Amino acid sequence: MTSHSKIEQTALQLFGERGYDNTSTLLIAKTAGVSEALLFKYFLSKEKLFEYLIKQGFQRIVEANRGILAEKDPRALIEKTIDLPYKLVHDEPDFWKVQDKEFSKPLVQKYFQRFMSPIDSLLKQAFVQLGTDDPEMMTLRLLLLIQSLWRNLLYEHDESLLRVGEHLKNTYVQGLPLPK
């Protein structure tokens, strides 16, 4: 593993555990086993390192989940969206802990919105195709439930959380009419 990668992984872990404000560049460097000077050589500042981690994290996540955006079957789209928090937390737990801890930062909100905006639009369209009475409200309600599930999956290791996704699928997909 390169020094650059060690710094990235260590910073993600520490920002996720301690938060941005409670993590110094010295702590990141020491934990990564590199000098603080090397950290600054690569990233210039703690703020630049944080920006890099957020941008790269969302880039990885968008690439890994592109298939959702191409899904044409409205029921499959809804199911894949419900599965998303399980996949995201499993694949990138440290990144999502940083998202949770630092969500008040405009940079984090900006990238999160960019990630969620197409999903929001596609869900509304799916609920329209399925003939639901209020596609906007169905989308909003489902996304709020998914966000709550995502946050709980980050910190809770309760087996019942694994069943919540199936319950949501039963509630949001199986009770809906076939596409028009």
C-alpha atoms as a PDB file:
ATOM      1  CA  MET A   1       0.000   0.000   0.000  1.00  0.00           C
ATOM      2  CA  THR A   2       1.372   3.419  -0.917  1.00  0.00           C
ATOM      3  CA  SER A   3       1.875   6.232   1.590  1.00  0.00           C
ATOM      4  CA  HIS A   4      -0.852   8.177  -0.203  1.00  0.00           C
ATOM      5  CA  SER A   5      -3.318   5.292   0.257  1.00  0.00           C
ATOM      6  CA  LYS A   6      -2.324   4.857   3.913  1.00  0.00           C
ATOM      7  CA  ILE A   7      -3.040   8.532   4.571  1.00  0.00           C
ATOM      8  CA  GLU A   8      -6.406   8.311   2.780  1.00  0.00           C
ATOM      9  CA  GLN A   9      -7.555   5.206   4.649  1.00  0.00           C
ATOM     10  CA  THR A  10      -6.317   6.467   7.995  1.00  0.00           C
ATOM     11  CA  ALA A  11      -7.939   9.878   7.550  1.00  0.00           C
ATOM     12  CA  LEU A  12     -11.269   8.296   6.567  1.00  0.00           C
ATOM     13  CA  GLN A  13     -11.174   6.037   9.600  1.00  0.00           C
ATOM     14  CA  LEU A  14     -10.218   8.807  12.021  1.00  0.00           C
ATOM     15  CA  PHE A  15     -12.655  11.360  10.580  1.00  0.00           C
ATOM     16  CA  GLY A  16     -15.371   8.704  10.852  1.00  0.00           C
ATOM     17  CA  GLU A  17     -14.516   7.842  14.451  1.00  0.00           C
ATOM     18  CA  ARG A  18     -13.546  11.247  15.856  1.00  0.00           C
ATOM     19  CA  GLY A  19     -14.942  13.782  13.403  1.00  0.00           C
ATOM     20  CA  TYR A  20     -13.068  16.297  11.299  1.00  0.00           C
ATOM     21  CA  ASP A  21     -12.535  18.887  14.041  1.00  0.00           C
ATOM     22  CA  ASN A  22     -11.205  16.322  16.530  1.00  0.00           C
ATOM     23  CA  THR A  23      -8.673  14.806  14.139  1.00  0.00           C
ATOM     24  CA  SER A  24      -5.328  16.514  13.656  1.00  0.00           C
ATOM     25  CA  THR A  25      -2.990  16.059  10.710  1.00  0.00           C
ATOM     26  CA  LEU A  26      -0.351  14.927  13.179  1.00  0.00           C
ATOM     27  CA  LEU A  27      -2.633  12.135  14.427  1.00  0.00           C
ATOM     28  CA  ILE A  28      -3.425  11.074  10.851  1.00  0.00           C
ATOM     29  CA  ALA A  29       0.258  10.997   9.921  1.00  0.00           C
ATOM     30  CA  LYS A  30       1.327   9.095  13.053  1.00  0.00           C
ATOM     31  CA  THR A  31      -1.472   6.545  12.697  1.00  0.00           C
ATOM     32  CA  ALA A  32      -0.664   6.080   8.992  1.00  0.00           C
ATOM     33  CA  GLY A  33       3.028   5.649   9.804  1.00  0.00           C
ATOM     34  CA  VAL A  34       4.154   8.617   7.714  1.00  0.00           C
ATOM     35  CA  SER A  35       5.493  12.072   8.457  1.00  0.00           C
ATOM     36  CA  GLU A  36       3.178  15.035   8.742  1.00  0.00           C
ATOM     37  CA  ALA A  37       5.330  16.727   6.071  1.00  0.00           C
ATOM     38  CA  LEU A  38       4.470  13.940   3.633  1.00  0.00           C
ATOM     39  CA  LEU A  39       0.767  14.374   4.379  1.00  0.00           C
ATOM     40  CA  PHE A  40       1.100  18.086   3.553  1.00  0.00           C
ATOM     41  CA  LYS A  41       3.134  17.290   0.442  1.00  0.00           C
ATOM     42  CA  TYR A  42       0.286  15.156  -0.895  1.00  0.00           C
ATOM     43  CA  PHE A  43      -2.711  17.172   0.313  1.00  0.00           C
ATOM     44  CA  LEU A  44      -1.466  20.688   1.306  1.00  0.00           C
ATOM     45  CA  SER A  45      -3.869  20.943   4.263  1.00  0.00           C
ATOM     46  CA  LYS A  46      -6.361  19.011   6.352  1.00  0.00           C
ATOM     47  CA  GLU A  47      -9.176  20.782   4.488  1.00  0.00           C
ATOM     48  CA  LYS A  48      -7.783  19.705   1.095  1.00  0.00           C
ATOM     49  CA  LEU A  49      -7.419  16.135   2.367  1.00  0.00           C
ATOM     50  CA  PHE A  50     -11.057  16.172   3.532  1.00  0.00           C
ATOM     51  CA  GLU A  51     -12.226  17.569   0.160  1.00  0.00           C
ATOM     52  CA  TYR A  52     -10.254  14.904  -1.651  1.00  0.00           C
ATOM     53  CA  LEU A  53     -11.768  12.120   0.475  1.00  0.00           C
ATOM     54  CA  ILE A  54     -15.326  13.360  -0.089  1.00  0.00           C
ATOM     55  CA  LYS A  55     -14.899  13.814  -3.851  1.00  0.00           C
ATOM     56  CA  GLN A  56     -13.124  10.492  -4.331  1.00  0.00           C
ATOM     57  CA  GLY A  57     -15.595   8.668  -2.100  1.00  0.00           C
ATOM     58  CA  PHE A  58     -18.607   9.851  -4.041  1.00  0.00           C
ATOM     59  CA  GLN A  59     -16.842   9.148  -7.324  1.00  0.00           C
ATOM     60  CA  ARG A  60     -16.238   5.533  -6.233  1.00  0.00           C
ATOM     61  CA  ILE A  61     -19.816   5.151  -5.044  1.00  0.00           C
ATOM     62  CA  VAL A  62     -21.351   6.604  -8.203  1.00  0.00           C
ATOM     63  CA  GLU A  63     -19.214   4.303 -10.364  1.00  0.00           C
ATOM     64  CA  ALA A  64     -20.074   1.247  -8.269  1.00  0.00           C
ATOM     65  CA  ASN A  65     -23.818   1.962  -8.361  1.00  0.00           C
ATOM     66  CA  ARG A  66     -24.333   3.167 -11.915  1.00  0.00           C
ATOM     67  CA  GLY A  67     -26.600   0.194 -12.626  1.00  0.00           C
ATOM     68  CA  ILE A  68     -29.348   1.634 -10.454  1.00  0.00           C
ATOM     69  CA  LEU A  69     -29.614   4.669 -12.700  1.00  0.00           C
ATOM     70  CA  ALA A  70     -30.010   2.474 -15.789  1.00  0.00           C
ATOM     71  CA  GLU A  71     -32.768   0.294 -14.298  1.00  0.00           C
ATOM     72  CA  LYS A  72     -35.912   0.481 -16.442  1.00  0.00           C
ATOM     73  CA  ASP A  73     -38.201  -1.790 -14.402  1.00  0.00           C
ATOM     74  CA  PRO A  74     -39.833   0.455 -11.758  1.00  0.00           C
ATOM     75  CA  ARG A  75     -40.198  -2.357  -9.215  1.00  0.00           C
ATOM     76  CA  ALA A  76     -36.557  -3.410  -9.629  1.00  0.00           C
ATOM     77  CA  LEU A  77     -35.476   0.232  -9.268  1.00  0.00           C
ATOM     78  CA  ILE A  78     -37.350   0.551  -5.983  1.00  0.00           C
ATOM     79  CA  GLU A  79     -35.891  -2.730  -4.705  1.00  0.00           C
ATOM     80  CA  LYS A  80     -32.341  -1.736  -5.675  1.00  0.00           C
ATOM     81  CA  THR A  81     -32.806   1.620  -3.963  1.00  0.00           C
ATOM     82  CA  ILE A  82     -33.960  -0.133  -0.785  1.00  0.00           C
ATOM     83  CA  ASP A  83     -30.883  -2.400  -0.980  1.00  0.00           C
ATOM     84  CA  LEU A  84     -28.571   0.587  -1.429  1.00  0.00           C
ATOM     85  CA  PRO A  85     -27.901   1.399   2.253  1.00  0.00           C
ATOM     86  CA  TYR A  86     -26.917  -2.210   2.934  1.00  0.00           C
ATOM     87  CA  LYS A  87     -24.513  -2.197  -0.011  1.00  0.00           C
ATOM     88  CA  LEU A  88     -23.081   1.258   0.699  1.00  0.00           C
ATOM     89  CA  VAL A  89     -22.444   0.655   4.387  1.00  0.00           C
ATOM     90  CA  HIS A  90     -20.969  -2.764   3.657  1.00  0.00           C
ATOM     91  CA  ASP A  91     -18.652  -1.460   0.900  1.00  0.00           C
ATOM     92  CA  GLU A  92     -17.573   1.857   2.462  1.00  0.00           C
ATOM     93  CA  PRO A  93     -18.359   1.999   6.213  1.00  0.00           C
ATOM     94  CA  ASP A  94     -15.689   4.584   7.091  1.00  0.00           C
ATOM     95  CA  PHE A  95     -16.755   6.882   4.254  1.00  0.00           C
ATOM     96  CA  TRP A  96     -20.404   6.800   5.376  1.00  0.00           C
ATOM     97  CA  LYS A  97     -19.447   7.419   8.993  1.00  0.00           C
ATOM     98  CA  VAL A  98     -17.653  10.568   7.815  1.00  0.00           C
ATOM     99  CA  GLN A  99     -20.807  11.534   5.879  1.00  0.00           C
ATOM    100  CA  ASP A 100     -22.886  11.104   8.997  1.00  0.00           C
ATOM    101  CA  LYS A 101     -20.522  12.970  11.331  1.00  0.00           C
ATOM    102  CA  GLU A 102     -19.834  15.822   8.923  1.00  0.00           C
ATOM    103  CA  PHE A 103     -23.180  16.181   7.151  1.00  0.00           C
ATOM    104  CA  SER A 104     -23.524  19.793   8.303  1.00  0.00           C
ATOM    105  CA  LYS A 105     -20.565  20.771   6.103  1.00  0.00           C
ATOM    106  CA  PRO A 106     -21.682  22.329   2.785  1.00  0.00           C
ATOM    107  CA  LEU A 107     -19.195  20.222   0.808  1.00  0.00           C
ATOM    108  CA  VAL A 108     -20.665  16.979   2.165  1.00  0.00           C
ATOM    109  CA  GLN A 109     -24.225  18.147   1.515  1.00  0.00           C
ATOM    110  CA  LYS A 110     -23.337  19.197  -2.032  1.00  0.00           C
ATOM    111  CA  TYR A 111     -21.916  15.809  -2.999  1.00  0.00           C
ATOM    112  CA  PHE A 112     -24.651  13.898  -1.196  1.00  0.00           C
ATOM    113  CA  GLN A 113     -27.281  15.894  -3.109  1.00  0.00           C
ATOM    114  CA  ARG A 114     -25.501  15.200  -6.401  1.00  0.00           C
ATOM    115  CA  PHE A 115     -25.551  11.512  -5.577  1.00  0.00           C
ATOM    116  CA  MET A 116     -29.187  11.418  -4.446  1.00  0.00           C
ATOM    117  CA  SER A 117     -30.781  13.772  -6.975  1.00  0.00           C
ATOM    118  CA  PRO A 118     -31.003  11.293  -9.863  1.00  0.00           C
ATOM    119  CA  ILE A 119     -32.228   8.558  -7.499  1.00  0.00           C
ATOM    120  CA  ASP A 120     -34.958  10.886  -6.226  1.00  0.00           C
ATOM    121  CA  SER A 121     -36.094  11.657  -9.783  1.00  0.00           C
ATOM    122  CA  LEU A 122     -36.014   8.016 -10.851  1.00  0.00           C
ATOM    123  CA  LEU A 123     -38.022   6.909  -7.811  1.00  0.00           C
ATOM    124  CA  LYS A 124     -40.694   9.527  -8.521  1.00  0.00           C
ATOM    125  CA  GLN A 125     -40.843   8.336 -12.107  1.00  0.00           C
ATOM    126  CA  ALA A 126     -41.089   4.700 -10.948  1.00  0.00           C
ATOM    127  CA  PHE A 127     -43.980   5.489  -8.626  1.00  0.00           C
ATOM    128  CA  VAL A 128     -45.707   7.379 -11.463  1.00  0.00           C
ATOM    129  CA  GLN A 129     -45.258   4.353 -13.761  1.00  0.00           C
ATOM    130  CA  LEU A 130     -46.727   2.127 -11.068  1.00  0.00           C
ATOM    131  CA  GLY A 131     -49.750   4.414 -10.739  1.00  0.00           C
ATOM    132  CA  THR A 132     -49.372   5.406  -7.087  1.00  0.00           C
ATOM    133  CA  ASP A 133     -51.638   8.172  -5.845  1.00  0.00           C
ATOM    134  CA  ASP A 134     -48.892  10.517  -4.636  1.00  0.00           C
ATOM    135  CA  PRO A 135     -45.523   9.637  -6.221  1.00  0.00           C
ATOM    136  CA  GLU A 136     -43.739  12.586  -4.612  1.00  0.00           C
ATOM    137  CA  MET A 137     -44.870  11.658  -1.110  1.00  0.00           C
ATOM    138  CA  MET A 138     -44.083   7.962  -1.694  1.00  0.00           C
ATOM    139  CA  THR A 139     -40.574   8.938  -2.819  1.00  0.00           C
ATOM    140  CA  LEU A 140     -40.000  11.293   0.097  1.00  0.00           C
ATOM    141  CA  ARG A 141     -41.258   8.774   2.634  1.00  0.00           C
ATOM    142  CA  LEU A 142     -39.170   5.941   1.189  1.00  0.00           C
ATOM    143  CA  LEU A 143     -36.005   8.062   1.030  1.00  0.00           C
ATOM    144  CA  LEU A 144     -36.460   9.151   4.658  1.00  0.00           C
ATOM    145  CA  LEU A 145     -36.837   5.534   5.727  1.00  0.00           C
ATOM    146  CA  ILE A 146     -33.766   4.560   3.703  1.00  0.00           C
ATOM    147  CA  GLN A 147     -31.732   7.382   5.222  1.00  0.00           C
ATOM    148  CA  SER A 148     -32.745   6.294   8.702  1.00  0.00           C
ATOM    149  CA  LEU A 149     -31.857   2.703   7.863  1.00  0.00           C
ATOM    150  CA  TRP A 150     -28.474   3.784   6.482  1.00  0.00           C
ATOM    151  CA  ARG A 151     -27.618   5.685   9.662  1.00  0.00           C
ATOM    152  CA  ASN A 152     -28.673   2.785  11.867  1.00  0.00           C
ATOM    153  CA  LEU A 153     -26.674   0.290   9.825  1.00  0.00           C
ATOM    154  CA  LEU A 154     -23.551   2.383  10.434  1.00  0.00           C
ATOM    155  CA  TYR A 155     -23.652   1.955  14.176  1.00  0.00           C
ATOM    156  CA  GLU A 156     -26.084  -0.821  15.070  1.00  0.00           C
ATOM    157  CA  HIS A 157     -25.322  -4.453  14.503  1.00  0.00           C
ATOM    158  CA  ASP A 158     -28.831  -5.670  15.218  1.00  0.00           C
ATOM    159  CA  GLU A 159     -30.031  -8.602  13.125  1.00  0.00           C
ATOM    160  CA  SER A 160     -33.504  -7.052  12.871  1.00  0.00           C
ATOM    161  CA  LEU A 161     -32.033  -4.260  10.711  1.00  0.00           C
ATOM    162  CA  LEU A 162     -31.305  -6.868   8.078  1.00  0.00           C
ATOM    163  CA  ARG A 163     -35.024  -7.679   7.911  1.00  0.00           C
ATOM    164  CA  VAL A 164     -36.073  -4.036   7.533  1.00  0.00           C
ATOM    165  CA  GLY A 165     -35.094  -3.991   3.853  1.00  0.00           C
ATOM    166  CA  GLU A 166     -37.307  -6.988   3.113  1.00  0.00           C
ATOM    167  CA  HIS A 167     -40.151  -5.343   5.003  1.00  0.00           C
ATOM    168  CA  LEU A 168     -39.695  -2.149   2.977  1.00  0.00           C
ATOM    169  CA  LYS A 169     -39.709  -4.151  -0.256  1.00  0.00           C
ATOM    170  CA  ASN A 170     -42.924  -5.882   0.806  1.00  0.00           C
ATOM    171  CA  THR A 171     -44.475  -2.545   1.699  1.00  0.00           C
ATOM    172  CA  TYR A 172     -43.281  -0.472  -1.257  1.00  0.00           C
ATOM    173  CA  VAL A 173     -43.115  -2.964  -4.104  1.00  0.00           C
ATOM    174  CA  GLN A 174     -45.393  -5.946  -3.664  1.00  0.00           C
ATOM    175  CA  GLY A 175     -48.474  -3.930  -2.817  1.00  0.00           C
ATOM    176  CA  LEU A 176     -48.192  -1.766  -5.919  1.00  0.00           C
ATOM    177  CA  PRO A 177     -50.050  -2.344  -9.164  1.00  0.00           C
ATOM    178  CA  LEU A 178     -48.171  -3.518 -12.260  1.00  0.00           C
ATOM    179  CA  PRO A 179     -46.745  -0.751 -14.473  1.00  0.00           C
ATOM    180  CA  LYS A 180     -49.200   0.935 -16.832  1.00  0.00           C
END
